[in-house]
C-alpha atoms as a PDB file:
ATOM      1  CA  MET A   1     -30.823 201.812 132.021  1.00  0.00           C
ATOM      2  CA  THR A   2     -27.793 201.398 134.271  1.00  0.00           C
ATOM      3  CA  GLU A   3     -24.946 199.425 132.739  1.00  0.00           C
ATOM      4  CA  PRO A   4     -24.243 196.104 134.528  1.00  0.00           C
ATOM      5  CA  SER A   5     -21.322 196.351 136.929  1.00  0.00           C
ATOM      6  CA  ILE A   6     -18.171 194.266 136.695  1.00  0.00           C
ATOM      7  CA  ALA A   7     -17.293 192.581 139.987  1.00  0.00           C
ATOM      8  CA  ARG A   8     -13.818 192.745 141.466  1.00  0.00           C
ATOM      9  CA  LEU A   9     -12.927 189.132 142.175  1.00  0.00           C
ATOM     10  CA  ASP A  10     -10.933 187.851 145.115  1.00  0.00           C
ATOM     11  CA  TYR A  11      -8.300 185.413 143.905  1.00  0.00           C
ATOM     12  CA  GLU A  12      -5.122 183.459 144.575  1.00  0.00           C
ATOM     13  CA  GLU A  13      -2.354 182.474 142.204  1.00  0.00           C
ATOM     14  CA  HIS A  14       0.480 179.999 142.405  1.00  0.00           C
ATOM     15  CA  GLY A  15       3.132 178.695 140.054  1.00  0.00           C
ATOM     16  CA  LYS A  16       4.723 180.031 136.884  1.00  0.00           C
ATOM     17  CA  GLY A  17       4.304 179.568 133.154  1.00  0.00           C
ATOM     18  CA  GLN A  18       1.178 179.412 131.013  1.00  0.00           C
ATOM     19  CA  PRO A  19      -1.756 180.991 132.924  1.00  0.00           C
ATOM     20  CA  VAL A  20      -4.556 178.578 133.808  1.00  0.00           C
ATOM     21  CA  VAL A  21      -7.746 179.979 135.350  1.00  0.00           C
ATOM     22  CA  LEU A  22      -9.830 177.592 137.469  1.00  0.00           C
ATOM     23  CA  ILE A  23     -13.503 178.637 137.673  1.00  0.00           C
ATOM     24  CA  HIS A  24     -15.669 177.021 140.351  1.00  0.00           C
ATOM     25  CA  GLY A  25     -19.293 175.957 140.249  1.00  0.00           C
ATOM     26  CA  LEU A  26     -22.528 177.308 141.660  1.00  0.00           C
ATOM     27  CA  GLY A  27     -22.406 177.979 145.386  1.00  0.00           C
ATOM     28  CA  LEU A  28     -18.849 176.720 145.730  1.00  0.00           C
ATOM     29  CA  SER A  29     -15.586 178.661 146.044  1.00  0.00           C
ATOM     30  CA  ARG A  30     -12.021 178.577 144.807  1.00  0.00           C
ATOM     31  CA  HIS A  31     -11.410 176.217 147.733  1.00  0.00           C
ATOM     32  CA  SER A  32     -13.180 173.510 145.683  1.00  0.00           C
ATOM     33  CA  TRP A  33      -9.986 173.291 143.577  1.00  0.00           C
ATOM     34  CA  ARG A  34      -7.845 172.472 146.638  1.00  0.00           C
ATOM     35  CA  HIS A  35      -6.885 169.023 145.288  1.00  0.00           C
ATOM     36  CA  VAL A  36      -6.282 170.306 141.751  1.00  0.00           C
ATOM     37  CA  ALA A  37      -4.629 173.733 141.897  1.00  0.00           C
ATOM     38  CA  PRO A  38      -1.466 172.678 143.797  1.00  0.00           C
ATOM     39  CA  VAL A  39      -0.800 169.866 141.318  1.00  0.00           C
ATOM     40  CA  LEU A  40      -1.271 172.059 138.237  1.00  0.00           C
ATOM     41  CA  ALA A  41       0.794 174.849 139.815  1.00  0.00           C
ATOM     42  CA  ARG A  42       3.906 172.659 139.662  1.00  0.00           C
ATOM     43  CA  GLU A  43       3.971 173.323 135.918  1.00  0.00           C
ATOM     44  CA  PHE A  44       1.645 176.284 135.277  1.00  0.00           C
ATOM     45  CA  ARG A  45       0.618 179.685 136.624  1.00  0.00           C
ATOM     46  CA  VAL A  46      -2.676 178.792 138.276  1.00  0.00           C
ATOM     47  CA  ILE A  47      -5.264 181.421 139.198  1.00  0.00           C
ATOM     48  CA  THR A  48      -8.259 180.475 141.335  1.00  0.00           C
ATOM     49  CA  ALA A  49     -10.920 183.141 141.864  1.00  0.00           C
ATOM     50  CA  ASP A  50     -14.197 183.329 143.751  1.00  0.00           C
ATOM     51  CA  ASN A  51     -17.032 184.168 141.343  1.00  0.00           C
ATOM     52  CA  ARG A  52     -19.120 187.275 141.978  1.00  0.00           C
ATOM     53  CA  GLY A  53     -21.138 186.968 145.179  1.00  0.00           C
ATOM     54  CA  HIS A  54     -19.042 184.011 146.345  1.00  0.00           C
ATOM     55  CA  GLY A  55     -16.296 184.093 148.955  1.00  0.00           C
ATOM     56  CA  LYS A  56     -14.858 187.598 149.300  1.00  0.00           C
ATOM     57  CA  SER A  57     -15.636 188.738 145.757  1.00  0.00           C
ATOM     58  CA  GLU A  58     -17.903 191.691 145.101  1.00  0.00           C
ATOM     59  CA  ALA A  59     -21.644 191.223 144.560  1.00  0.00           C
ATOM     60  CA  PRO A  60     -22.970 193.922 142.205  1.00  0.00           C
ATOM     61  CA  PRO A  61     -26.728 194.478 141.876  1.00  0.00           C
ATOM     62  CA  PRO A  62     -28.705 191.957 139.806  1.00  0.00           C
ATOM     63  CA  PRO A  63     -29.535 190.682 137.301  1.00  0.00           C
ATOM     64  CA  TRP A  64     -26.532 188.419 136.855  1.00  0.00           C
ATOM     65  CA  THR A  65     -25.814 186.430 133.704  1.00  0.00           C
ATOM     66  CA  THR A  66     -23.191 183.977 132.541  1.00  0.00           C
ATOM     67  CA  ASP A  67     -21.874 186.723 130.255  1.00  0.00           C
ATOM     68  CA  LEU A  68     -21.281 188.929 133.307  1.00  0.00           C
ATOM     69  CA  PHE A  69     -19.530 186.129 135.178  1.00  0.00           C
ATOM     70  CA  ALA A  70     -17.243 185.800 132.145  1.00  0.00           C
ATOM     71  CA  ALA A  71     -16.724 189.571 131.980  1.00  0.00           C
ATOM     72  CA  ASP A  72     -15.560 189.433 135.604  1.00  0.00           C
ATOM     73  CA  ILE A  73     -12.956 186.852 134.630  1.00  0.00           C
ATOM     74  CA  ALA A  74     -11.817 188.977 131.681  1.00  0.00           C
ATOM     75  CA  ALA A  75     -11.438 191.962 134.015  1.00  0.00           C
ATOM     76  CA  LEU A  76      -9.355 189.842 136.381  1.00  0.00           C
ATOM     77  CA  LEU A  77      -7.076 188.909 133.482  1.00  0.00           C
ATOM     78  CA  ASP A  78      -6.646 192.633 132.784  1.00  0.00           C
ATOM     79  CA  ARG A  79      -5.704 193.272 136.434  1.00  0.00           C
ATOM     80  CA  LEU A  80      -3.128 190.484 136.279  1.00  0.00           C
ATOM     81  CA  GLU A  81      -1.865 191.619 132.850  1.00  0.00           C
ATOM     82  CA  ILE A  82      -2.645 188.217 131.345  1.00  0.00           C
ATOM     83  CA  GLU A  83      -3.351 188.251 127.621  1.00  0.00           C
ATOM     84  CA  ARG A  84      -4.296 184.597 127.101  1.00  0.00           C
ATOM     85  CA  ALA A  85      -5.173 181.694 129.379  1.00  0.00           C
ATOM     86  CA  VAL A  86      -6.579 178.210 129.553  1.00  0.00           C
ATOM     87  CA  PHE A  87      -9.966 178.210 131.298  1.00  0.00           C
ATOM     88  CA  VAL A  88     -10.937 175.210 133.412  1.00  0.00           C
ATOM     89  CA  GLY A  89     -14.532 175.316 134.597  1.00  0.00           C
ATOM     90  CA  HIS A  90     -16.480 173.061 136.930  1.00  0.00           C
ATOM     91  CA  SER A  91     -20.265 172.880 136.533  1.00  0.00           C
ATOM     92  CA  MET A  92     -21.497 176.511 136.287  1.00  0.00           C
ATOM     93  CA  GLY A  93     -17.833 177.429 135.884  1.00  0.00           C
ATOM     94  CA  GLY A  94     -17.828 175.368 132.708  1.00  0.00           C
ATOM     95  CA  GLY A  95     -20.530 177.607 131.320  1.00  0.00           C
ATOM     96  CA  ILE A  96     -18.358 180.600 132.188  1.00  0.00           C
ATOM     97  CA  ALA A  97     -15.308 178.977 130.578  1.00  0.00           C
ATOM     98  CA  GLN A  98     -17.229 178.256 127.372  1.00  0.00           C
ATOM     99  CA  THR A  99     -18.513 181.821 127.346  1.00  0.00           C
ATOM    100  CA  MET A 100     -14.949 183.073 127.637  1.00  0.00           C
ATOM    101  CA  ALA A 101     -14.015 181.002 124.592  1.00  0.00           C
ATOM    102  CA  LEU A 102     -17.007 182.298 122.613  1.00  0.00           C
ATOM    103  CA  GLU A 103     -16.896 185.953 123.636  1.00  0.00           C
ATOM    104  CA  HIS A 104     -13.135 186.336 124.126  1.00  0.00           C
ATOM    105  CA  PRO A 105     -11.606 183.857 121.650  1.00  0.00           C
ATOM    106  CA  ALA A 106      -8.366 185.823 121.319  1.00  0.00           C
ATOM    107  CA  ARG A 107      -7.783 185.380 125.049  1.00  0.00           C
ATOM    108  CA  THR A 108      -8.529 181.652 125.077  1.00  0.00           C
ATOM    109  CA  VAL A 109      -5.787 179.043 124.673  1.00  0.00           C
ATOM    110  CA  GLY A 110      -8.098 176.160 125.502  1.00  0.00           C
ATOM    111  CA  VAL A 111     -11.095 175.134 127.610  1.00  0.00           C
ATOM    112  CA  ALA A 112     -11.495 172.206 129.996  1.00  0.00           C
ATOM    113  CA  LEU A 113     -14.986 171.366 131.239  1.00  0.00           C
ATOM    114  CA  VAL A 114     -15.501 169.364 134.419  1.00  0.00           C
ATOM    115  CA  ALA A 115     -19.013 168.003 135.066  1.00  0.00           C
ATOM    116  CA  SER A 116     -20.460 170.726 132.879  1.00  0.00           C
ATOM    117  CA  GLY A 117     -22.343 171.178 129.634  1.00  0.00           C
ATOM    118  CA  PRO A 118     -23.780 173.785 127.278  1.00  0.00           C
ATOM    119  CA  ALA A 119     -27.066 174.025 129.222  1.00  0.00           C
ATOM    120  CA  LEU A 120     -28.928 172.396 132.080  1.00  0.00           C
ATOM    121  CA  PRO A 121     -31.896 170.085 131.436  1.00  0.00           C
ATOM    122  CA  GLU A 122     -35.195 171.944 131.813  1.00  0.00           C
ATOM    123  CA  PRO A 123     -36.152 170.226 135.117  1.00  0.00           C
ATOM    124  CA  ASN A 124     -32.868 171.383 136.634  1.00  0.00           C
ATOM    125  CA  ARG A 125     -33.373 174.909 135.308  1.00  0.00           C
ATOM    126  CA  ALA A 126     -36.874 175.023 136.778  1.00  0.00           C
ATOM    127  CA  SER A 127     -35.542 173.808 140.134  1.00  0.00           C
ATOM    128  CA  LEU A 128     -32.943 176.578 140.180  1.00  0.00           C
ATOM    129  CA  ARG A 129     -35.523 179.225 139.334  1.00  0.00           C
ATOM    130  CA  ASN A 130     -37.803 177.937 142.098  1.00  0.00           C
ATOM    131  CA  LEU A 131     -34.897 177.934 144.547  1.00  0.00           C
ATOM    132  CA  ALA A 132     -34.059 181.514 143.566  1.00  0.00           C
ATOM    133  CA  ASP A 133     -37.667 182.539 144.250  1.00  0.00           C
ATOM    134  CA  GLN A 134     -37.512 180.869 147.657  1.00  0.00           C
ATOM    135  CA  LEU A 135     -34.214 182.489 148.596  1.00  0.00           C
ATOM    136  CA  GLU A 136     -35.311 185.955 147.526  1.00  0.00           C
ATOM    137  CA  SER A 137     -38.677 185.798 149.281  1.00  0.00           C
ATOM    138  CA  SER A 138     -37.338 184.401 152.542  1.00  0.00           C
ATOM    139  CA  GLY A 139     -33.917 186.022 152.616  1.00  0.00           C
ATOM    140  CA  GLN A 140     -32.778 182.851 154.388  1.00  0.00           C
ATOM    141  CA  MET A 141     -29.987 180.626 153.130  1.00  0.00           C
ATOM    142  CA  ILE A 142     -30.603 176.915 152.671  1.00  0.00           C
ATOM    143  CA  ASP A 143     -28.564 174.177 154.358  1.00  0.00           C
ATOM    144  CA  VAL A 144     -25.704 173.789 151.875  1.00  0.00           C
ATOM    145  CA  ARG A 145     -24.676 170.481 153.433  1.00  0.00           C
ATOM    146  CA  VAL A 146     -27.879 168.845 152.238  1.00  0.00           C
ATOM    147  CA  GLY A 147     -27.308 170.077 148.705  1.00  0.00           C
ATOM    148  CA  LEU A 148     -23.663 169.031 148.746  1.00  0.00           C
ATOM    149  CA  ARG A 149     -24.572 165.429 149.517  1.00  0.00           C
ATOM    150  CA  ARG A 150     -26.497 165.295 146.235  1.00  0.00           C
ATOM    151  CA  LEU A 151     -23.331 166.168 144.316  1.00  0.00           C
ATOM    152  CA  VAL A 152     -21.272 163.161 145.427  1.00  0.00           C
ATOM    153  CA  THR A 153     -21.894 159.445 145.556  1.00  0.00           C
ATOM    154  CA  PRO A 154     -23.432 158.127 148.802  1.00  0.00           C
ATOM    155  CA  GLU A 155     -20.317 156.017 149.326  1.00  0.00           C
ATOM    156  CA  PHE A 156     -18.045 159.060 149.217  1.00  0.00           C
ATOM    157  CA  ALA A 157     -20.265 161.129 151.510  1.00  0.00           C
ATOM    158  CA  GLY A 158     -20.321 158.341 154.077  1.00  0.00           C
ATOM    159  CA  SER A 159     -16.609 157.600 154.017  1.00  0.00           C
ATOM    160  CA  HIS A 160     -15.213 161.149 153.753  1.00  0.00           C
ATOM    161  CA  PRO A 161     -17.006 163.326 156.324  1.00  0.00           C
ATOM    162  CA  GLU A 162     -13.956 165.579 156.683  1.00  0.00           C
ATOM    163  CA  GLU A 163     -13.938 166.316 152.958  1.00  0.00           C
ATOM    164  CA  MET A 164     -17.638 167.072 153.003  1.00  0.00           C
ATOM    165  CA  GLU A 165     -17.232 169.484 155.896  1.00  0.00           C
ATOM    166  CA  ALA A 166     -14.185 171.154 154.330  1.00  0.00           C
ATOM    167  CA  GLU A 167     -16.237 171.866 151.210  1.00  0.00           C
ATOM    168  CA  ALA A 168     -19.424 172.921 152.974  1.00  0.00           C
ATOM    169  CA  SER A 169     -17.606 175.343 155.271  1.00  0.00           C
ATOM    170  CA  ARG A 170     -16.470 177.410 152.263  1.00  0.00           C
ATOM    171  CA  MET A 171     -19.736 177.389 150.320  1.00  0.00           C
ATOM    172  CA  ILE A 172     -21.805 180.486 149.681  1.00  0.00           C
ATOM    173  CA  ALA A 173     -23.608 181.943 152.695  1.00  0.00           C
ATOM    174  CA  ASP A 174     -25.524 184.891 151.223  1.00  0.00           C
ATOM    175  CA  ALA A 175     -29.055 183.998 150.133  1.00  0.00           C
ATOM    176  CA  ARG A 176     -29.466 186.795 147.592  1.00  0.00           C
ATOM    177  CA  SER A 177     -26.126 186.188 145.897  1.00  0.00           C
ATOM    178  CA  TYR A 178     -27.020 182.524 145.653  1.00  0.00           C
ATOM    179  CA  ALA A 179     -30.403 183.403 144.166  1.00  0.00           C
ATOM    180  CA  TYR A 180     -28.855 185.674 141.540  1.00  0.00           C
ATOM    181  CA  SER A 181     -26.321 182.959 140.668  1.00  0.00           C
ATOM    182  CA  CYS A 182     -29.055 180.320 140.414  1.00  0.00           C
ATOM    183  CA  ARG A 183     -30.922 182.468 137.897  1.00  0.00           C
ATOM    184  CA  ALA A 184     -27.763 183.044 135.861  1.00  0.00           C
ATOM    185  CA  ASN A 185     -26.989 179.331 135.790  1.00  0.00           C
ATOM    186  CA  ALA A 186     -30.568 178.451 134.857  1.00  0.00           C
ATOM    187  CA  GLY A 187     -30.482 180.965 132.033  1.00  0.00           C
ATOM    188  CA  ARG A 188     -27.324 179.821 130.306  1.00  0.00           C
ATOM    189  CA  ASP A 189     -27.798 177.944 127.047  1.00  0.00           C
ATOM    190  CA  LEU A 190     -24.891 177.557 124.645  1.00  0.00           C
ATOM    191  CA  SER A 191     -26.354 174.525 122.867  1.00  0.00           C
ATOM    192  CA  GLY A 192     -26.559 176.244 119.521  1.00  0.00           C
ATOM    193  CA  ARG A 193     -23.038 177.640 119.688  1.00  0.00           C
ATOM    194  CA  LEU A 194     -20.861 174.600 120.257  1.00  0.00           C
ATOM    195  CA  GLY A 195     -19.800 174.677 116.618  1.00  0.00           C
ATOM    196  CA  ASP A 196     -18.282 178.100 117.277  1.00  0.00           C
ATOM    197  CA  LEU A 197     -15.847 176.708 119.830  1.00  0.00           C
ATOM    198  CA  HIS A 198     -12.641 176.673 117.814  1.00  0.00           C
ATOM    199  CA  CYS A 199     -10.139 176.186 120.638  1.00  0.00           C
ATOM    200  CA  PRO A 200      -8.876 172.892 122.067  1.00  0.00           C
ATOM    201  CA  LEU A 201     -11.513 171.441 124.398  1.00  0.00           C
ATOM    202  CA  LEU A 202     -11.510 168.765 127.096  1.00  0.00           C
ATOM    203  CA  TYR A 203     -14.686 167.365 128.641  1.00  0.00           C
ATOM    204  CA  VAL A 204     -14.549 165.289 131.838  1.00  0.00           C
ATOM    205  CA  GLY A 205     -17.772 163.919 133.275  1.00  0.00           C
ATOM    206  CA  GLY A 206     -18.543 161.824 136.334  1.00  0.00           C
ATOM    207  CA  GLU A 207     -20.589 158.799 135.280  1.00  0.00           C
ATOM    208  CA  GLN A 208     -22.721 158.918 138.447  1.00  0.00           C
ATOM    209  CA  ASP A 209     -23.458 162.651 138.153  1.00  0.00           C
ATOM    210  CA  GLY A 210     -27.125 163.036 139.039  1.00  0.00           C
ATOM    211  CA  GLY A 211     -27.371 159.261 139.237  1.00  0.00           C
ATOM    212  CA  ASN A 212     -27.904 159.258 135.473  1.00  0.00           C
ATOM    213  CA  PRO A 213     -25.002 157.737 133.503  1.00  0.00           C
ATOM    214  CA  ALA A 214     -26.962 157.887 130.239  1.00  0.00           C
ATOM    215  CA  ALA A 215     -27.322 161.663 130.535  1.00  0.00           C
ATOM    216  CA  VAL A 216     -23.612 162.092 131.253  1.00  0.00           C
ATOM    217  CA  HIS A 217     -22.651 160.008 128.227  1.00  0.00           C
ATOM    218  CA  ALA A 218     -25.117 162.000 126.108  1.00  0.00           C
ATOM    219  CA  VAL A 219     -23.340 165.248 127.014  1.00  0.00           C
ATOM    220  CA  ALA A 220     -19.992 163.614 126.288  1.00  0.00           C
ATOM    221  CA  ASP A 221     -21.261 162.515 122.881  1.00  0.00           C
ATOM    222  CA  LEU A 222     -22.538 166.031 122.190  1.00  0.00           C
ATOM    223  CA  TYR A 223     -19.055 167.501 122.578  1.00  0.00           C
ATOM    224  CA  ARG A 224     -17.473 164.651 120.667  1.00  0.00           C
ATOM    225  CA  GLU A 225     -19.831 165.231 117.742  1.00  0.00           C
ATOM    226  CA  GLN A 226     -20.049 169.023 117.658  1.00  0.00           C
ATOM    227  CA  VAL A 227     -16.563 170.198 118.665  1.00  0.00           C
ATOM    228  CA  PRO A 228     -13.930 168.855 116.243  1.00  0.00           C
ATOM    229  CA  GLY A 229     -10.972 167.358 118.093  1.00  0.00           C
ATOM    230  CA  ALA A 230     -12.630 167.504 121.502  1.00  0.00           C
ATOM    231  CA  ARG A 231     -11.174 165.165 124.097  1.00  0.00           C
ATOM    232  CA  VAL A 232     -13.936 163.412 126.000  1.00  0.00           C
ATOM    233  CA  HIS A 233     -13.665 161.309 129.161  1.00  0.00           C
ATOM    234  CA  VAL A 234     -16.248 159.888 131.570  1.00  0.00           C
ATOM    235  CA  ILE A 235     -14.944 158.723 134.947  1.00  0.00           C
ATOM    236  CA  PRO A 236     -16.722 155.678 136.419  1.00  0.00           C
ATOM    237  CA  GLY A 237     -17.677 155.858 140.077  1.00  0.00           C
ATOM    238  CA  ALA A 238     -17.531 159.659 140.307  1.00  0.00           C
ATOM    239  CA  ALA A 239     -20.472 162.034 140.555  1.00  0.00           C
ATOM    240  CA  HIS A 240     -20.581 165.829 140.149  1.00  0.00           C
ATOM    241  CA  MET A 241     -17.723 166.795 142.480  1.00  0.00           C
ATOM    242  CA  ILE A 242     -15.015 165.061 140.476  1.00  0.00           C
ATOM    243  CA  GLY A 243     -12.275 167.193 142.013  1.00  0.00           C
ATOM    244  CA  MET A 244     -13.199 165.744 145.418  1.00  0.00           C
ATOM    245  CA  GLU A 245     -14.027 162.173 144.493  1.00  0.00           C
ATOM    246  CA  ALA A 246     -11.449 161.445 141.797  1.00  0.00           C
ATOM    247  CA  PRO A 247      -8.767 164.163 141.943  1.00  0.00           C
ATOM    248  CA  GLU A 248      -5.938 161.905 140.765  1.00  0.00           C
ATOM    249  CA  LYS A 249      -7.802 160.938 137.601  1.00  0.00           C
ATOM    250  CA  LEU A 250      -8.923 164.509 136.967  1.00  0.00           C
ATOM    251  CA  ASN A 251      -5.433 165.900 137.482  1.00  0.00           C
ATOM    252  CA  ARG A 252      -3.947 163.372 135.079  1.00  0.00           C
ATOM    253  CA  LEU A 253      -6.417 164.338 132.352  1.00  0.00           C
ATOM    254  CA  LEU A 254      -5.966 168.062 132.966  1.00  0.00           C
ATOM    255  CA  LEU A 255      -2.180 167.848 132.914  1.00  0.00           C
ATOM    256  CA  GLU A 256      -2.179 165.884 129.659  1.00  0.00           C
ATOM    257  CA  PHE A 257      -4.465 168.477 128.084  1.00  0.00           C
ATOM    258  CA  LEU A 258      -2.557 171.483 129.420  1.00  0.00           C
ATOM    259  CA  ARG A 259       0.810 170.127 128.333  1.00  0.00           C
ATOM    260  CA  ASP A 260      -0.484 169.532 124.817  1.00  0.00           C
ATOM    261  CA  VAL A 261      -2.234 172.876 124.305  1.00  0.00           C
ATOM    262  CA  THR A 262       0.666 174.875 125.686  1.00  0.00           C
ATOM    263  CA  SER A 263       3.547 173.008 124.039  1.00  0.00           C
END
């Protein structure tokens, strides 16, 4: 059997000091950190990379897994001669960040999770698998703008059309890469390993994520209970795309966390 290939990731970096790697979510790009990276880069060395199959990064043959997404990040650290970093992951990127902490603990200073969790609920996983089937059979990409509207509150979508277009214009365009990523995201399940996360951890959820505040608070409670010392915050009025809807609040929480874990 052929060994899985590591993807060479396209990236940007700004700032100096402790390295902080920002890992974007499914179908998005490093551009999704546009309201976060410049603020963090005033105090830290911030690296934003496009995940495999996204943006200008390589897209090796499938199957793809969360472990491989994390291996890509580790390879990028090697290229940049970075020994240790803080990993900040949004959504699927949070799964990658947690995998970095579990599989590469010596390289992990801390982990910050934004609108993420150890695993997706089964209905969401089934939806992603069905979408992957559709994308692979048709070879046609879906309308990302429709999907993006589900990730923000209706109020934000209606009042910030320029933000919505700025995000959508940088989202993934290749149907097969999206399908492979959907399967990887559906397959991740770190629920039984949270007790093995021994680094500082921050969880930030948007209370309106999925229109289900109870589910968001349940994930927050999970980290609070299973990861000793975890910092847990739920932002009212924000949905999944916290970096778009509430960047000031997110940046404040991230900066507090980064300053503490790197002091």
